[in-house]
Amino acid sequence: MKRSPAKEKKIGKERIERLFKLAAEDFHEHPERADRKVELARKIAMRYNIRLPRDLKRKYCKKCYKYLEPNVNCIVKKRPGYTTVKCLLCGNVSKYPSGG
């Protein structure tokens, strides 16, 4: 018996949040596992057409899809009106607007 689309999305969201939580826990010992968990979370989001929450979207590089940990593999700079995040693995710079 097939699940309803709403239930599939709910389960997908729970799995995505769980994968990002596990990626954060695994990052310092096994960064490649953290990257794989981010990859799996993205695939789940694409499969079930789920939009990633803003806080989770900013935890990985948009170019190389690696998990980002501030002051370890990325540099975060606060600027007036926006925040920049530079990935030290691929060199990509992302800019996010600051609230206020």
PDB file of N, CA and C in Angstrom:
ATOM      1  N   MET A   1       0.840  -1.181   0.000  1.00  0.00           N
ATOM      2  CA  MET A   1       0.000   0.000   0.000  1.00  0.00           C
ATOM      3  C   MET A   1       0.889   1.249   0.000  1.00  0.00           C
ATOM      4  N   LYS A   2       0.583   2.170  -0.872  1.00  0.00           N
ATOM      5  CA  LYS A   2       1.393   3.371  -1.033  1.00  0.00           C
ATOM      6  C   LYS A   2       1.009   4.430   0.003  1.00  0.00           C
ATOM      7  N   ARG A   3       2.038   5.158   0.486  1.00  0.00           N
ATOM      8  CA  ARG A   3       1.789   6.237   1.443  1.00  0.00           C
ATOM      9  C   ARG A   3       1.263   7.468   0.717  1.00  0.00           C
ATOM     10  N   SER A   4       0.577   8.305   1.464  1.00  0.00           N
ATOM     11  CA  SER A   4       0.093   9.555   0.879  1.00  0.00           C
ATOM     12  C   SER A   4       1.277  10.509   0.686  1.00  0.00           C
ATOM     13  N   PRO A   5       1.210  11.392  -0.307  1.00  0.00           N
ATOM     14  CA  PRO A   5       2.314  12.325  -0.547  1.00  0.00           C
ATOM     15  C   PRO A   5       2.637  13.206   0.663  1.00  0.00           C
ATOM     16  N   ALA A   6       1.616  13.592   1.420  1.00  0.00           N
ATOM     17  CA  ALA A   6       1.852  14.428   2.600  1.00  0.00           C
ATOM     18  C   ALA A   6       2.666  13.666   3.643  1.00  0.00           C
ATOM     19  N   LYS A   7       2.354  12.388   3.819  1.00  0.00           N
ATOM     20  CA  LYS A   7       3.084  11.578   4.788  1.00  0.00           C
ATOM     21  C   LYS A   7       4.520  11.344   4.317  1.00  0.00           C
ATOM     22  N   GLU A   8       4.712  11.150   2.999  1.00  0.00           N
ATOM     23  CA  GLU A   8       6.061  10.977   2.457  1.00  0.00           C
ATOM     24  C   GLU A   8       6.905  12.221   2.705  1.00  0.00           C
ATOM     25  N   LYS A   9       6.315  13.401   2.512  1.00  0.00           N
ATOM     26  CA  LYS A   9       7.045  14.647   2.743  1.00  0.00           C
ATOM     27  C   LYS A   9       7.405  14.804   4.215  1.00  0.00           C
ATOM     28  N   LYS A  10       6.484  14.436   5.092  1.00  0.00           N
ATOM     29  CA  LYS A  10       6.739  14.551   6.528  1.00  0.00           C
ATOM     30  C   LYS A  10       7.895  13.637   6.931  1.00  0.00           C
ATOM     31  N   ILE A  11       7.884  12.404   6.457  1.00  0.00           N
ATOM     32  CA  ILE A  11       8.958  11.454   6.755  1.00  0.00           C
ATOM     33  C   ILE A  11      10.271  11.952   6.153  1.00  0.00           C
ATOM     34  N   GLY A  12      10.203  12.485   4.939  1.00  0.00           N
ATOM     35  CA  GLY A  12      11.393  13.025   4.282  1.00  0.00           C
ATOM     36  C   GLY A  12      12.012  14.166   5.073  1.00  0.00           C
ATOM     37  N   LYS A  13      11.181  15.084   5.580  1.00  0.00           N
ATOM     38  CA  LYS A  13      11.687  16.208   6.384  1.00  0.00           C
ATOM     39  C   LYS A  13      12.375  15.704   7.647  1.00  0.00           C
ATOM     40  N   GLU A  14      11.768  14.709   8.300  1.00  0.00           N
ATOM     41  CA  GLU A  14      12.365  14.149   9.518  1.00  0.00           C
ATOM     42  C   GLU A  14      13.726  13.528   9.216  1.00  0.00           C
ATOM     43  N   ARG A  15      13.816  12.805   8.104  1.00  0.00           N
ATOM     44  CA  ARG A  15      15.079  12.159   7.732  1.00  0.00           C
ATOM     45  C   ARG A  15      16.146  13.188   7.388  1.00  0.00           C
ATOM     46  N   ILE A  16      15.757  14.249   6.700  1.00  0.00           N
ATOM     47  CA  ILE A  16      16.704  15.305   6.341  1.00  0.00           C
ATOM     48  C   ILE A  16      17.272  15.958   7.597  1.00  0.00           C
ATOM     49  N   GLU A  17      16.396  16.306   8.540  1.00  0.00           N
ATOM     50  CA  GLU A  17      16.854  16.927   9.786  1.00  0.00           C
ATOM     51  C   GLU A  17      17.768  15.985  10.561  1.00  0.00           C
ATOM     52  N   ARG A  18      17.419  14.714  10.585  1.00  0.00           N
ATOM     53  CA  ARG A  18      18.234  13.714  11.280  1.00  0.00           C
ATOM     54  C   ARG A  18      19.607  13.576  10.617  1.00  0.00           C
ATOM     55  N   LEU A  19      19.652  13.557   9.284  1.00  0.00           N
ATOM     56  CA  LEU A  19      20.925  13.434   8.575  1.00  0.00           C
ATOM     57  C   LEU A  19      21.833  14.638   8.838  1.00  0.00           C
ATOM     58  N   PHE A  20      21.279  15.840   8.871  1.00  0.00           N
ATOM     59  CA  PHE A  20      22.104  17.014   9.161  1.00  0.00           C
ATOM     60  C   PHE A  20      22.603  16.989  10.605  1.00  0.00           C
ATOM     61  N   LYS A  21      21.772  16.504  11.521  1.00  0.00           N
ATOM     62  CA  LYS A  21      22.204  16.390  12.919  1.00  0.00           C
ATOM     63  C   LYS A  21      23.353  15.386  13.033  1.00  0.00           C
ATOM     64  N   LEU A  22      23.235  14.249  12.356  1.00  0.00           N
ATOM     65  CA  LEU A  22      24.303  13.245  12.371  1.00  0.00           C
ATOM     66  C   LEU A  22      25.563  13.765  11.684  1.00  0.00           C
ATOM     67  N   ALA A  23      25.401  14.553  10.627  1.00  0.00           N
ATOM     68  CA  ALA A  23      26.558  15.132   9.939  1.00  0.00           C
ATOM     69  C   ALA A  23      27.328  16.054  10.880  1.00  0.00           C
ATOM     70  N   ALA A  24      26.610  16.842  11.673  1.00  0.00           N
ATOM     71  CA  ALA A  24      27.267  17.739  12.625  1.00  0.00           C
ATOM     72  C   ALA A  24      28.029  16.947  13.683  1.00  0.00           C
ATOM     73  N   GLU A  25      27.456  15.836  14.135  1.00  0.00           N
ATOM     74  CA  GLU A  25      28.114  15.010  15.152  1.00  0.00           C
ATOM     75  C   GLU A  25      29.345  14.302  14.591  1.00  0.00           C
ATOM     76  N   ASP A  26      29.275  13.841  13.343  1.00  0.00           N
ATOM     77  CA  ASP A  26      30.360  13.063  12.735  1.00  0.00           C
ATOM     78  C   ASP A  26      31.476  13.906  12.142  1.00  0.00           C
ATOM     79  N   PHE A  27      31.259  15.196  11.963  1.00  0.00           N
ATOM     80  CA  PHE A  27      32.177  15.998  11.161  1.00  0.00           C
ATOM     81  C   PHE A  27      33.626  15.961  11.646  1.00  0.00           C
ATOM     82  N   HIS A  28      33.859  16.105  12.943  1.00  0.00           N
ATOM     83  CA  HIS A  28      35.236  16.218  13.440  1.00  0.00           C
ATOM     84  C   HIS A  28      36.007  14.909  13.333  1.00  0.00           C
ATOM     85  N   GLU A  29      35.344  13.777  13.490  1.00  0.00           N
ATOM     86  CA  GLU A  29      36.036  12.492  13.389  1.00  0.00           C
ATOM     87  C   GLU A  29      36.064  11.964  11.961  1.00  0.00           C
ATOM     88  N   HIS A  30      34.961  12.107  11.236  1.00  0.00           N
ATOM     89  CA  HIS A  30      34.841  11.549   9.883  1.00  0.00           C
ATOM     90  C   HIS A  30      34.188  12.569   8.952  1.00  0.00           C
ATOM     91  N   PRO A  31      34.956  13.535   8.438  1.00  0.00           N
ATOM     92  CA  PRO A  31      34.343  14.554   7.572  1.00  0.00           C
ATOM     93  C   PRO A  31      33.736  13.983   6.291  1.00  0.00           C
ATOM     94  N   GLU A  32      34.298  12.886   5.775  1.00  0.00           N
ATOM     95  CA  GLU A  32      33.741  12.299   4.552  1.00  0.00           C
ATOM     96  C   GLU A  32      32.356  11.706   4.813  1.00  0.00           C
ATOM     97  N   ARG A  33      32.122  11.204   6.015  1.00  0.00           N
ATOM     98  CA  ARG A  33      30.782  10.704   6.366  1.00  0.00           C
ATOM     99  C   ARG A  33      29.787  11.857   6.450  1.00  0.00           C
ATOM    100  N   ALA A  34      30.228  12.977   7.017  1.00  0.00           N
ATOM    101  CA  ALA A  34      29.356  14.151   7.107  1.00  0.00           C
ATOM    102  C   ALA A  34      28.969  14.626   5.709  1.00  0.00           C
ATOM    103  N   ASP A  35      29.936  14.624   4.786  1.00  0.00           N
ATOM    104  CA  ASP A  35      29.654  15.033   3.409  1.00  0.00           C
ATOM    105  C   ASP A  35      28.659  14.083   2.751  1.00  0.00           C
ATOM    106  N   ARG A  36      28.794  12.807   3.007  1.00  0.00           N
ATOM    107  CA  ARG A  36      27.876  11.810   2.441  1.00  0.00           C
ATOM    108  C   ARG A  36      26.459  12.006   2.988  1.00  0.00           C
ATOM    109  N   LYS A  37      26.346  12.342   4.265  1.00  0.00           N
ATOM    110  CA  LYS A  37      25.026  12.560   4.863  1.00  0.00           C
ATOM    111  C   LYS A  37      24.352  13.793   4.270  1.00  0.00           C
ATOM    112  N   VAL A  38      25.144  14.830   3.978  1.00  0.00           N
ATOM    113  CA  VAL A  38      24.595  16.012   3.310  1.00  0.00           C
ATOM    114  C   VAL A  38      24.103  15.632   1.917  1.00  0.00           C
ATOM    115  N   GLU A  39      24.891  14.822   1.221  1.00  0.00           N
ATOM    116  CA  GLU A  39      24.507  14.366  -0.118  1.00  0.00           C
ATOM    117  C   GLU A  39      23.192  13.578  -0.071  1.00  0.00           C
ATOM    118  N   LEU A  40      23.054  12.686   0.906  1.00  0.00           N
ATOM    119  CA  LEU A  40      21.824  11.903   1.045  1.00  0.00           C
ATOM    120  C   LEU A  40      20.626  12.796   1.367  1.00  0.00           C
ATOM    121  N   ALA A  41      20.838  13.782   2.253  1.00  0.00           N
ATOM    122  CA  ALA A  41      19.753  14.695   2.610  1.00  0.00           C
ATOM    123  C   ALA A  41      19.286  15.481   1.385  1.00  0.00           C
ATOM    124  N   ARG A  42      20.220  15.939   0.551  1.00  0.00           N
ATOM    125  CA  ARG A  42      19.867  16.657  -0.675  1.00  0.00           C
ATOM    126  C   ARG A  42      19.075  15.757  -1.620  1.00  0.00           C
ATOM    127  N   LYS A  43      19.489  14.492  -1.744  1.00  0.00           N
ATOM    128  CA  LYS A  43      18.785  13.565  -2.630  1.00  0.00           C
ATOM    129  C   LYS A  43      17.359  13.314  -2.150  1.00  0.00           C
ATOM    130  N   ILE A  44      17.181  13.178  -0.839  1.00  0.00           N
ATOM    131  CA  ILE A  44      15.838  12.990  -0.281  1.00  0.00           C
ATOM    132  C   ILE A  44      14.980  14.214  -0.590  1.00  0.00           C
ATOM    133  N   ALA A  45      15.553  15.405  -0.399  1.00  0.00           N
ATOM    134  CA  ALA A  45      14.809  16.641  -0.664  1.00  0.00           C
ATOM    135  C   ALA A  45      14.395  16.728  -2.129  1.00  0.00           C
ATOM    136  N   MET A  46      15.289  16.338  -3.030  1.00  0.00           N
ATOM    137  CA  MET A  46      14.958  16.395  -4.457  1.00  0.00           C
ATOM    138  C   MET A  46      13.921  15.337  -4.831  1.00  0.00           C
ATOM    139  N   ARG A  47      14.053  14.161  -4.252  1.00  0.00           N
ATOM    140  CA  ARG A  47      13.138  13.072  -4.595  1.00  0.00           C
ATOM    141  C   ARG A  47      11.694  13.387  -4.191  1.00  0.00           C
ATOM    142  N   TYR A  48      11.524  13.949  -2.992  1.00  0.00           N
ATOM    143  CA  TYR A  48      10.176  14.221  -2.490  1.00  0.00           C
ATOM    144  C   TYR A  48       9.765  15.682  -2.655  1.00  0.00           C
ATOM    145  N   ASN A  49      10.575  16.453  -3.403  1.00  0.00           N
ATOM    146  CA  ASN A  49      10.283  17.857  -3.681  1.00  0.00           C
ATOM    147  C   ASN A  49      10.065  18.641  -2.388  1.00  0.00           C
ATOM    148  N   ILE A  50      11.032  18.532  -1.487  1.00  0.00           N
ATOM    149  CA  ILE A  50      10.984  19.214  -0.197  1.00  0.00           C
ATOM    150  C   ILE A  50      11.993  20.356  -0.229  1.00  0.00           C
ATOM    151  N   ARG A  51      11.576  21.524   0.161  1.00  0.00           N
ATOM    152  CA  ARG A  51      12.486  22.662   0.247  1.00  0.00           C
ATOM    153  C   ARG A  51      13.247  22.575   1.568  1.00  0.00           C
ATOM    154  N   LEU A  52      14.572  22.664   1.491  1.00  0.00           N
ATOM    155  CA  LEU A  52      15.382  22.624   2.705  1.00  0.00           C
ATOM    156  C   LEU A  52      15.182  23.912   3.495  1.00  0.00           C
ATOM    157  N   PRO A  53      15.084  23.827   4.824  1.00  0.00           N
ATOM    158  CA  PRO A  53      14.977  25.038   5.635  1.00  0.00           C
ATOM    159  C   PRO A  53      16.237  25.900   5.489  1.00  0.00           C
ATOM    160  N   ARG A  54      16.100  27.183   5.686  1.00  0.00           N
ATOM    161  CA  ARG A  54      17.199  28.125   5.501  1.00  0.00           C
ATOM    162  C   ARG A  54      18.421  27.762   6.338  1.00  0.00           C
ATOM    163  N   ASP A  55      18.223  27.381   7.590  1.00  0.00           N
ATOM    164  CA  ASP A  55      19.370  27.065   8.449  1.00  0.00           C
ATOM    165  C   ASP A  55      20.138  25.847   7.942  1.00  0.00           C
ATOM    166  N   LEU A  56      19.450  24.863   7.383  1.00  0.00           N
ATOM    167  CA  LEU A  56      20.130  23.683   6.850  1.00  0.00           C
ATOM    168  C   LEU A  56      20.795  23.988   5.513  1.00  0.00           C
ATOM    169  N   LYS A  57      20.168  24.833   4.714  1.00  0.00           N
ATOM    170  CA  LYS A  57      20.721  25.196   3.407  1.00  0.00           C
ATOM    171  C   LYS A  57      22.084  25.857   3.539  1.00  0.00           C
ATOM    172  N   ARG A  58      22.268  26.580   4.622  1.00  0.00           N
ATOM    173  CA  ARG A  58      23.514  27.321   4.819  1.00  0.00           C
ATOM    174  C   ARG A  58      24.607  26.484   5.470  1.00  0.00           C
ATOM    175  N   LYS A  59      24.339  25.218   5.730  1.00  0.00           N
ATOM    176  CA  LYS A  59      25.327  24.347   6.368  1.00  0.00           C
ATOM    177  C   LYS A  59      26.149  23.540   5.379  1.00  0.00           C
ATOM    178  N   TYR A  60      25.933  23.745   4.072  1.00  0.00           N
ATOM    179  CA  TYR A  60      26.756  23.052   3.085  1.00  0.00           C
ATOM    180  C   TYR A  60      27.083  23.998   1.940  1.00  0.00           C
ATOM    181  N   CYS A  61      28.186  23.709   1.263  1.00  0.00           N
ATOM    182  CA  CYS A  61      28.641  24.531   0.143  1.00  0.00           C
ATOM    183  C   CYS A  61      27.768  24.250  -1.076  1.00  0.00           C
ATOM    184  N   LYS A  62      27.347  25.308  -1.762  1.00  0.00           N
ATOM    185  CA  LYS A  62      26.478  25.148  -2.928  1.00  0.00           C
ATOM    186  C   LYS A  62      27.240  24.663  -4.157  1.00  0.00           C
ATOM    187  N   LYS A  63      28.573  24.741  -4.127  1.00  0.00           N
ATOM    188  CA  LYS A  63      29.362  24.335  -5.285  1.00  0.00           C
ATOM    189  C   LYS A  63      29.875  22.903  -5.150  1.00  0.00           C
ATOM    190  N   CYS A  64      30.495  22.581  -3.997  1.00  0.00           N
ATOM    191  CA  CYS A  64      31.087  21.242  -3.836  1.00  0.00           C
ATOM    192  C   CYS A  64      30.237  20.325  -2.953  1.00  0.00           C
ATOM    193  N   TYR A  65      29.155  20.848  -2.359  1.00  0.00           N
ATOM    194  CA  TYR A  65      28.211  20.075  -1.534  1.00  0.00           C
ATOM    195  C   TYR A  65      28.865  19.419  -0.322  1.00  0.00           C
ATOM    196  N   LYS A  66      29.861  20.073   0.258  1.00  0.00           N
ATOM    197  CA  LYS A  66      30.510  19.574   1.469  1.00  0.00           C
ATOM    198  C   LYS A  66      29.880  20.247   2.681  1.00  0.00           C
ATOM    199  N   TYR A  67      29.863  19.528   3.802  1.00  0.00           N
ATOM    200  CA  TYR A  67      29.345  20.081   5.050  1.00  0.00           C
ATOM    201  C   TYR A  67      30.289  21.182   5.515  1.00  0.00           C
ATOM    202  N   LEU A  68      29.750  22.324   5.919  1.00  0.00           N
ATOM    203  CA  LEU A  68      30.567  23.453   6.348  1.00  0.00           C
ATOM    204  C   LEU A  68      30.515  23.627   7.857  1.00  0.00           C
ATOM    205  N   GLU A  69      31.691  23.736   8.452  1.00  0.00           N
ATOM    206  CA  GLU A  69      31.832  24.003   9.879  1.00  0.00           C
ATOM    207  C   GLU A  69      32.649  25.288   9.994  1.00  0.00           C
ATOM    208  N   PRO A  70      32.084  26.365  10.555  1.00  0.00           N
ATOM    209  CA  PRO A  70      32.818  27.624  10.646  1.00  0.00           C
ATOM    210  C   PRO A  70      34.165  27.464  11.355  1.00  0.00           C
ATOM    211  N   ASN A  71      35.167  28.157  10.833  1.00  0.00           N
ATOM    212  CA  ASN A  71      36.544  28.163  11.340  1.00  0.00           C
ATOM    213  C   ASN A  71      37.253  26.824  11.202  1.00  0.00           C
ATOM    214  N   VAL A  72      36.655  25.864  10.508  1.00  0.00           N
ATOM    215  CA  VAL A  72      37.317  24.589  10.231  1.00  0.00           C
ATOM    216  C   VAL A  72      37.524  24.464   8.724  1.00  0.00           C
ATOM    217  N   ASN A  73      36.448  24.486   7.961  1.00  0.00           N
ATOM    218  CA  ASN A  73      36.580  24.405   6.505  1.00  0.00           C
ATOM    219  C   ASN A  73      35.840  25.534   5.782  1.00  0.00           C
ATOM    220  N   CYS A  74      35.474  26.574   6.531  1.00  0.00           N
ATOM    221  CA  CYS A  74      34.902  27.764   5.905  1.00  0.00           C
ATOM    222  C   CYS A  74      35.179  28.984   6.779  1.00  0.00           C
ATOM    223  N   ILE A  75      35.157  30.151   6.139  1.00  0.00           N
ATOM    224  CA  ILE A  75      35.361  31.413   6.843  1.00  0.00           C
ATOM    225  C   ILE A  75      34.060  32.199   6.754  1.00  0.00           C
ATOM    226  N   VAL A  76      33.578  32.677   7.900  1.00  0.00           N
ATOM    227  CA  VAL A  76      32.345  33.458   7.952  1.00  0.00           C
ATOM    228  C   VAL A  76      32.711  34.889   8.324  1.00  0.00           C
ATOM    229  N   LYS A  77      32.274  35.836   7.503  1.00  0.00           N
ATOM    230  CA  LYS A  77      32.529  37.252   7.776  1.00  0.00           C
ATOM    231  C   LYS A  77      31.206  37.997   7.812  1.00  0.00           C
ATOM    232  N   LYS A  78      31.022  38.781   8.859  1.00  0.00           N
ATOM    233  CA  LYS A  78      29.825  39.616   8.990  1.00  0.00           C
ATOM    234  C   LYS A  78      30.121  40.965   8.347  1.00  0.00           C
ATOM    235  N   ARG A  79      29.268  41.377   7.423  1.00  0.00           N
ATOM    236  CA  ARG A  79      29.387  42.664   6.748  1.00  0.00           C
ATOM    237  C   ARG A  79      28.104  43.446   7.014  1.00  0.00           C
ATOM    238  N   PRO A  80      28.135  44.748   6.807  1.00  0.00           N
ATOM    239  CA  PRO A  80      26.887  45.506   6.968  1.00  0.00           C
ATOM    240  C   PRO A  80      25.859  45.070   5.917  1.00  0.00           C
ATOM    241  N   GLY A  81      24.782  44.496   6.369  1.00  0.00           N
ATOM    242  CA  GLY A  81      23.713  44.098   5.455  1.00  0.00           C
ATOM    243  C   GLY A  81      23.774  42.666   4.964  1.00  0.00           C
ATOM    244  N   TYR A  82      24.928  42.002   5.077  1.00  0.00           N
ATOM    245  CA  TYR A  82      25.021  40.620   4.617  1.00  0.00           C
ATOM    246  C   TYR A  82      26.166  39.880   5.311  1.00  0.00           C
ATOM    247  N   THR A  83      26.156  38.573   5.178  1.00  0.00           N
ATOM    248  CA  THR A  83      27.190  37.702   5.724  1.00  0.00           C
ATOM    249  C   THR A  83      27.797  36.920   4.574  1.00  0.00           C
ATOM    250  N   THR A  84      29.130  36.813   4.555  1.00  0.00           N
ATOM    251  CA  THR A  84      29.782  36.020   3.516  1.00  0.00           C
ATOM    252  C   THR A  84      30.330  34.744   4.130  1.00  0.00           C
ATOM    253  N   VAL A  85      30.214  33.652   3.385  1.00  0.00           N
ATOM    254  CA  VAL A  85      30.748  32.358   3.798  1.00  0.00           C
ATOM    255  C   VAL A  85      31.636  31.862   2.661  1.00  0.00           C
ATOM    256  N   LYS A  86      32.931  31.676   2.968  1.00  0.00           N
ATOM    257  CA  LYS A  86      33.870  31.197   1.953  1.00  0.00           C
ATOM    258  C   LYS A  86      34.262  29.764   2.283  1.00  0.00           C
ATOM    259  N   CYS A  87      34.020  28.865   1.342  1.00  0.00           N
ATOM    260  CA  CYS A  87      34.399  27.464   1.484  1.00  0.00           C
ATOM    261  C   CYS A  87      35.900  27.360   1.230  1.00  0.00           C
ATOM    262  N   LEU A  88      36.634  26.774   2.168  1.00  0.00           N
ATOM    263  CA  LEU A  88      38.076  26.624   2.017  1.00  0.00           C
ATOM    264  C   LEU A  88      38.440  25.412   1.174  1.00  0.00           C
ATOM    265  N   LEU A  89      37.467  24.568   0.847  1.00  0.00           N
ATOM    266  CA  LEU A  89      37.732  23.387   0.035  1.00  0.00           C
ATOM    267  C   LEU A  89      37.700  23.705  -1.457  1.00  0.00           C
ATOM    268  N   CYS A  90      36.746  24.531  -1.891  1.00  0.00           N
ATOM    269  CA  CYS A  90      36.632  24.841  -3.322  1.00  0.00           C
ATOM    270  C   CYS A  90      36.800  26.327  -3.623  1.00  0.00           C
ATOM    271  N   GLY A  91      36.747  27.183  -2.600  1.00  0.00           N
ATOM    272  CA  GLY A  91      36.924  28.617  -2.807  1.00  0.00           C
ATOM    273  C   GLY A  91      35.651  29.377  -3.116  1.00  0.00           C
ATOM    274  N   ASN A  92      34.506  28.714  -3.119  1.00  0.00           N
ATOM    275  CA  ASN A  92      33.236  29.370  -3.423  1.00  0.00           C
ATOM    276  C   ASN A  92      32.856  30.339  -2.305  1.00  0.00           C
ATOM    277  N   VAL A  93      32.332  31.509  -2.687  1.00  0.00           N
ATOM    278  CA  VAL A  93      31.881  32.510  -1.723  1.00  0.00           C
ATOM    279  C   VAL A  93      30.371  32.655  -1.857  1.00  0.00           C
ATOM    280  N   SER A  94      29.657  32.483  -0.742  1.00  0.00           N
ATOM    281  CA  SER A  94      28.204  32.660  -0.711  1.00  0.00           C
ATOM    282  C   SER A  94      27.888  33.879   0.137  1.00  0.00           C
ATOM    283  N   LYS A  95      26.924  34.669  -0.294  1.00  0.00           N
ATOM    284  CA  LYS A  95      26.506  35.849   0.457  1.00  0.00           C
ATOM    285  C   LYS A  95      25.052  35.673   0.871  1.00  0.00           C
ATOM    286  N   TYR A  96      24.792  35.939   2.148  1.00  0.00           N
ATOM    287  CA  TYR A  96      23.447  35.821   2.689  1.00  0.00           C
ATOM    288  C   TYR A  96      23.052  37.144   3.321  1.00  0.00           C
ATOM    289  N   PRO A  97      21.823  37.614   3.088  1.00  0.00           N
ATOM    290  CA  PRO A  97      21.404  38.874   3.693  1.00  0.00           C
ATOM    291  C   PRO A  97      21.257  38.744   5.205  1.00  0.00           C
ATOM    292  N   SER A  98      21.608  39.819   5.909  1.00  0.00           N
ATOM    293  CA  SER A  98      21.438  39.863   7.363  1.00  0.00           C
ATOM    294  C   SER A  98      20.100  40.510   7.667  1.00  0.00           C
ATOM    295  N   GLY A  99      19.424  39.989   8.670  1.00  0.00           N
ATOM    296  CA  GLY A  99      18.144  40.566   9.061  1.00  0.00           C
ATOM    297  C   GLY A  99      18.346  41.897   9.751  1.00  0.00           C
ATOM    298  N   GLY A 100      17.391  42.823   9.529  1.00  0.00           N
ATOM    299  CA  GLY A 100      17.455  44.072  10.245  1.00  0.00           C
ATOM    300  C   GLY A 100      17.816  45.194   9.459  1.00  0.00           C
TER     301      GLY A 100
END
